Amino acid sequence: MKGHITHVRKDVGVIRGADGAEYSFAIQDILANPHGKFGRWAELWEVSFLPEGDRATQIVIRRVGVTYKVITLDGSEQKKEKIMAATLALLFGALGAHKFYLGYNTQGTIMLLMGTLGWFLLVPPFASFLIGLIEGVIYFRKNEQEFYDTYEAKQRAWF
């Protein structure tokens, strides 16, 4: 049955089914929740589930709300924006601005040195520019959830 989450607390919630009835559930009943948590935005989720009496089981998240919200590890709002990171990578990628924005200070410093002091060797600034360009395109191509999962949750620093 289809439905949407209408209320959430720490580890439990309520789903209003397509039949108009309300079904309680526990967080472990959500099968497709990669982080095992939900935050205040869970009330926007559309789900499919199996009703068993007044409980919902085998819950699968179908869509995360009308406005797309990212499911974070701690249930809070996403801290880094994909658009900002991609724009910084395209405009100032050779200087590592997008790396600093994402919190990868070591990688940002490497790119900054390649983009500035590297002019003496001629090749490093072009490599740094190319890395920034490629990463900017990669950032733009990912959706918000993929961006969060890759660069904030998994801390992937390069490509």
C-alpha atoms as a PDB file:
ATOM      1  CA  MET A   1       0.000   0.000   0.000  1.00  0.00           C
ATOM      2  CA  LYS A   2       1.135   3.556  -0.610  1.00  0.00           C
ATOM      3  CA  GLY A   3       1.101   6.291   2.006  1.00  0.00           C
ATOM      4  CA  HIS A   4       3.122   9.073   3.575  1.00  0.00           C
ATOM      5  CA  ILE A   5       4.716   9.639   6.943  1.00  0.00           C
ATOM      6  CA  THR A   6       2.660  12.073   8.985  1.00  0.00           C
ATOM      7  CA  HIS A   7       4.467  12.060  12.319  1.00  0.00           C
ATOM      8  CA  VAL A   8       7.897  11.040  13.570  1.00  0.00           C
ATOM      9  CA  ARG A   9       9.560  10.803  16.929  1.00  0.00           C
ATOM     10  CA  LYS A  10      12.953   9.400  17.876  1.00  0.00           C
ATOM     11  CA  ASP A  11      12.544   5.794  16.674  1.00  0.00           C
ATOM     12  CA  VAL A  12       8.845   5.537  15.789  1.00  0.00           C
ATOM     13  CA  GLY A  13       6.330   7.221  13.548  1.00  0.00           C
ATOM     14  CA  VAL A  14       2.909   7.165  11.923  1.00  0.00           C
ATOM     15  CA  ILE A  15       2.034   6.558   8.281  1.00  0.00           C
ATOM     16  CA  ARG A  16      -1.279   7.591   6.740  1.00  0.00           C
ATOM     17  CA  GLY A  17      -2.118   4.974   4.166  1.00  0.00           C
ATOM     18  CA  ALA A  18      -3.928   5.465   0.869  1.00  0.00           C
ATOM     19  CA  ASP A  19      -6.997   3.998   2.605  1.00  0.00           C
ATOM     20  CA  GLY A  20      -7.000   6.931   5.070  1.00  0.00           C
ATOM     21  CA  ALA A  21      -6.070   4.766   8.059  1.00  0.00           C
ATOM     22  CA  GLU A  22      -3.048   5.459  10.238  1.00  0.00           C
ATOM     23  CA  TYR A  23      -0.378   2.841  10.853  1.00  0.00           C
ATOM     24  CA  SER A  24       2.396   2.991  13.439  1.00  0.00           C
ATOM     25  CA  PHE A  25       5.916   1.874  12.599  1.00  0.00           C
ATOM     26  CA  ALA A  26       9.397   1.576  14.054  1.00  0.00           C
ATOM     27  CA  ILE A  27      12.533   2.798  12.310  1.00  0.00           C
ATOM     28  CA  GLN A  28      13.776  -0.761  11.792  1.00  0.00           C
ATOM     29  CA  ASP A  29      10.682  -1.400   9.622  1.00  0.00           C
ATOM     30  CA  ILE A  30      12.126   0.919   6.949  1.00  0.00           C
ATOM     31  CA  LEU A  31      13.872  -1.382   4.474  1.00  0.00           C
ATOM     32  CA  ALA A  32      15.423   1.205   2.159  1.00  0.00           C
ATOM     33  CA  ASN A  33      16.839   3.681   4.666  1.00  0.00           C
ATOM     34  CA  PRO A  34      20.593   3.670   3.983  1.00  0.00           C
ATOM     35  CA  HIS A  35      21.505   5.637   7.103  1.00  0.00           C
ATOM     36  CA  GLY A  36      19.104   3.973   9.534  1.00  0.00           C
ATOM     37  CA  LYS A  37      17.781   7.316  10.780  1.00  0.00           C
ATOM     38  CA  PHE A  38      15.244   9.937   9.901  1.00  0.00           C
ATOM     39  CA  GLY A  39      14.946  13.541  10.911  1.00  0.00           C
ATOM     40  CA  ARG A  40      12.314  16.213  10.831  1.00  0.00           C
ATOM     41  CA  TRP A  41      12.064  16.018   7.027  1.00  0.00           C
ATOM     42  CA  ALA A  42      10.767  12.442   7.198  1.00  0.00           C
ATOM     43  CA  GLU A  43       7.260  13.843   7.431  1.00  0.00           C
ATOM     44  CA  LEU A  44       7.515  14.621   3.719  1.00  0.00           C
ATOM     45  CA  TRP A  45       8.379  11.056   2.686  1.00  0.00           C
ATOM     46  CA  GLU A  46       6.068   9.017   0.482  1.00  0.00           C
ATOM     47  CA  VAL A  47       6.357   5.322   1.258  1.00  0.00           C
ATOM     48  CA  SER A  48       5.097   1.900   0.259  1.00  0.00           C
ATOM     49  CA  PHE A  49       4.392  -0.572   3.044  1.00  0.00           C
ATOM     50  CA  LEU A  50       2.560  -3.727   4.063  1.00  0.00           C
ATOM     51  CA  PRO A  51      -0.215  -3.166   6.623  1.00  0.00           C
ATOM     52  CA  GLU A  52      -0.420  -5.709   9.440  1.00  0.00           C
ATOM     53  CA  GLY A  53      -3.296  -4.691  11.676  1.00  0.00           C
ATOM     54  CA  ASP A  54      -2.532  -1.163  12.842  1.00  0.00           C
ATOM     55  CA  ARG A  55       1.209  -1.472  12.101  1.00  0.00           C
ATOM     56  CA  ALA A  56       3.147  -0.777   8.905  1.00  0.00           C
ATOM     57  CA  THR A  57       5.921  -3.214   8.010  1.00  0.00           C
ATOM     58  CA  GLN A  58       8.398  -3.624   5.150  1.00  0.00           C
ATOM     59  CA  ILE A  59       8.425   0.120   4.498  1.00  0.00           C
ATOM     60  CA  VAL A  60      10.193   1.378   1.385  1.00  0.00           C
ATOM     61  CA  ILE A  61      10.826   5.082   0.838  1.00  0.00           C
ATOM     62  CA  ARG A  62       9.382   6.029  -2.559  1.00  0.00           C
ATOM     63  CA  ARG A  63       9.999   9.756  -2.685  1.00  0.00           C
ATOM     64  CA  VAL A  64      11.444  12.260  -0.267  1.00  0.00           C
ATOM     65  CA  GLY A  65       8.823  14.972  -0.216  1.00  0.00           C
ATOM     66  CA  VAL A  66       7.596  17.603  -2.604  1.00  0.00           C
ATOM     67  CA  THR A  67      10.776  19.583  -2.198  1.00  0.00           C
ATOM     68  CA  TYR A  68      13.736  17.267  -2.270  1.00  0.00           C
ATOM     69  CA  LYS A  69      15.454  16.934   1.093  1.00  0.00           C
ATOM     70  CA  VAL A  70      18.633  14.991   1.719  1.00  0.00           C
ATOM     71  CA  ILE A  71      18.650  12.148   4.231  1.00  0.00           C
ATOM     72  CA  THR A  72      21.685  12.870   6.399  1.00  0.00           C
ATOM     73  CA  LEU A  73      23.474  10.579   8.832  1.00  0.00           C
ATOM     74  CA  ASP A  74      22.263  12.464  11.897  1.00  0.00           C
ATOM     75  CA  GLY A  75      18.847  13.538  10.605  1.00  0.00           C
ATOM     76  CA  SER A  76      19.873  17.197  10.364  1.00  0.00           C
ATOM     77  CA  GLU A  77      19.871  19.426   7.298  1.00  0.00           C
ATOM     78  CA  GLN A  78      22.580  19.053   4.679  1.00  0.00           C
ATOM     79  CA  LYS A  79      25.514  21.339   5.504  1.00  0.00           C
ATOM     80  CA  LYS A  80      27.181  21.732   2.094  1.00  0.00           C
ATOM     81  CA  GLU A  81      25.337  22.665  -1.069  1.00  0.00           C
ATOM     82  CA  LYS A  82      26.072  20.887  -4.314  1.00  0.00           C
ATOM     83  CA  ILE A  83      25.520  24.021  -6.442  1.00  0.00           C
ATOM     84  CA  MET A  84      27.983  26.071  -4.403  1.00  0.00           C
ATOM     85  CA  ALA A  85      30.654  23.344  -4.524  1.00  0.00           C
ATOM     86  CA  ALA A  86      30.209  22.854  -8.277  1.00  0.00           C
ATOM     87  CA  THR A  87      30.337  26.596  -8.965  1.00  0.00           C
ATOM     88  CA  LEU A  88      33.485  27.010  -6.879  1.00  0.00           C
ATOM     89  CA  ALA A  89      35.056  24.041  -8.684  1.00  0.00           C
ATOM     90  CA  LEU A  90      34.314  25.524 -12.107  1.00  0.00           C
ATOM     91  CA  LEU A  91      35.325  29.098 -11.313  1.00  0.00           C
ATOM     92  CA  PHE A  92      38.126  28.666  -8.773  1.00  0.00           C
ATOM     93  CA  GLY A  93      38.920  24.961  -9.053  1.00  0.00           C
ATOM     94  CA  ALA A  94      42.552  25.576  -9.945  1.00  0.00           C
ATOM     95  CA  LEU A  95      42.961  27.207  -6.524  1.00  0.00           C
ATOM     96  CA  GLY A  96      41.135  24.422  -4.660  1.00  0.00           C
ATOM     97  CA  ALA A  97      38.268  26.633  -3.463  1.00  0.00           C
ATOM     98  CA  HIS A  98      35.748  23.786  -3.705  1.00  0.00           C
ATOM     99  CA  LYS A  99      38.002  21.537  -1.607  1.00  0.00           C
ATOM    100  CA  PHE A 100      38.177  24.144   1.164  1.00  0.00           C
ATOM    101  CA  TYR A 101      34.384  24.594   0.972  1.00  0.00           C
ATOM    102  CA  LEU A 102      33.841  20.833   1.411  1.00  0.00           C
ATOM    103  CA  GLY A 103      36.279  20.746   4.335  1.00  0.00           C
ATOM    104  CA  TYR A 104      39.115  18.920   2.555  1.00  0.00           C
ATOM    105  CA  ASN A 105      41.825  21.355   3.658  1.00  0.00           C
ATOM    106  CA  THR A 106      44.794  19.125   2.791  1.00  0.00           C
ATOM    107  CA  GLN A 107      43.554  18.582  -0.765  1.00  0.00           C
ATOM    108  CA  GLY A 108      42.647  22.275  -1.027  1.00  0.00           C
ATOM    109  CA  THR A 109      46.158  23.266   0.017  1.00  0.00           C
ATOM    110  CA  ILE A 110      47.665  20.888  -2.554  1.00  0.00           C
ATOM    111  CA  MET A 111      45.529  22.402  -5.306  1.00  0.00           C
ATOM    112  CA  LEU A 112      46.256  25.947  -4.106  1.00  0.00           C
ATOM    113  CA  LEU A 113      50.002  25.305  -4.242  1.00  0.00           C
ATOM    114  CA  MET A 114      49.673  23.657  -7.654  1.00  0.00           C
ATOM    115  CA  GLY A 115      47.645  26.610  -8.937  1.00  0.00           C
ATOM    116  CA  THR A 116      49.956  29.314  -7.586  1.00  0.00           C
ATOM    117  CA  LEU A 117      53.528  28.174  -6.986  1.00  0.00           C
ATOM    118  CA  GLY A 118      53.115  25.540  -9.667  1.00  0.00           C
ATOM    119  CA  TRP A 119      53.404  28.221 -12.370  1.00  0.00           C
ATOM    120  CA  PHE A 120      57.154  27.839 -12.125  1.00  0.00           C
ATOM    121  CA  LEU A 121      56.804  24.297 -13.471  1.00  0.00           C
ATOM    122  CA  LEU A 122      53.934  25.132 -15.892  1.00  0.00           C
ATOM    123  CA  VAL A 123      52.217  21.705 -15.712  1.00  0.00           C
ATOM    124  CA  PRO A 124      50.714  21.725 -12.158  1.00  0.00           C
ATOM    125  CA  PRO A 125      48.366  24.703 -12.712  1.00  0.00           C
ATOM    126  CA  PHE A 126      46.889  23.076 -15.805  1.00  0.00           C
ATOM    127  CA  ALA A 127      46.442  19.808 -13.908  1.00  0.00           C
ATOM    128  CA  SER A 128      44.828  21.709 -11.036  1.00  0.00           C
ATOM    129  CA  PHE A 129      42.519  23.544 -13.455  1.00  0.00           C
ATOM    130  CA  LEU A 130      41.566  20.263 -15.135  1.00  0.00           C
ATOM    131  CA  ILE A 131      40.828  18.607 -11.777  1.00  0.00           C
ATOM    132  CA  GLY A 132      38.586  21.529 -10.794  1.00  0.00           C
ATOM    133  CA  LEU A 133      36.758  21.414 -14.118  1.00  0.00           C
ATOM    134  CA  ILE A 134      36.163  17.659 -13.951  1.00  0.00           C
ATOM    135  CA  GLU A 135      35.023  17.781 -10.331  1.00  0.00           C
ATOM    136  CA  GLY A 136      32.667  20.689 -11.083  1.00  0.00           C
ATOM    137  CA  VAL A 137      30.987  18.669 -13.821  1.00  0.00           C
ATOM    138  CA  ILE A 138      30.782  15.606 -11.549  1.00  0.00           C
ATOM    139  CA  TYR A 139      29.178  17.688  -8.774  1.00  0.00           C
ATOM    140  CA  PHE A 140      26.567  19.128 -11.156  1.00  0.00           C
ATOM    141  CA  ARG A 141      25.673  15.676 -12.485  1.00  0.00           C
ATOM    142  CA  LYS A 142      24.951  14.170  -9.049  1.00  0.00           C
ATOM    143  CA  ASN A 143      21.626  14.686  -7.318  1.00  0.00           C
ATOM    144  CA  GLU A 144      21.643  16.203  -3.830  1.00  0.00           C
ATOM    145  CA  GLN A 145      21.452  12.830  -2.042  1.00  0.00           C
ATOM    146  CA  GLU A 146      24.316  11.332  -4.068  1.00  0.00           C
ATOM    147  CA  PHE A 147      26.382  14.465  -3.455  1.00  0.00           C
ATOM    148  CA  TYR A 148      25.806  14.268   0.301  1.00  0.00           C
ATOM    149  CA  ASP A 149      26.480  10.518   0.454  1.00  0.00           C
ATOM    150  CA  THR A 150      29.702  10.798  -1.545  1.00  0.00           C
ATOM    151  CA  TYR A 151      31.347  13.983  -0.285  1.00  0.00           C
ATOM    152  CA  GLU A 152      29.974  14.507   3.234  1.00  0.00           C
ATOM    153  CA  ALA A 153      29.018  11.071   4.567  1.00  0.00           C
ATOM    154  CA  LYS A 154      31.768   9.011   2.892  1.00  0.00           C
ATOM    155  CA  GLN A 155      34.311  11.860   2.860  1.00  0.00           C
ATOM    156  CA  ARG A 156      35.497  11.134  -0.688  1.00  0.00           C
ATOM    157  CA  ALA A 157      38.091  13.821  -1.388  1.00  0.00           C
ATOM    158  CA  TRP A 158      38.991  13.265  -5.063  1.00  0.00           C
ATOM    159  CA  PHE A 159      36.747  12.669  -8.074  1.00  0.00           C
END
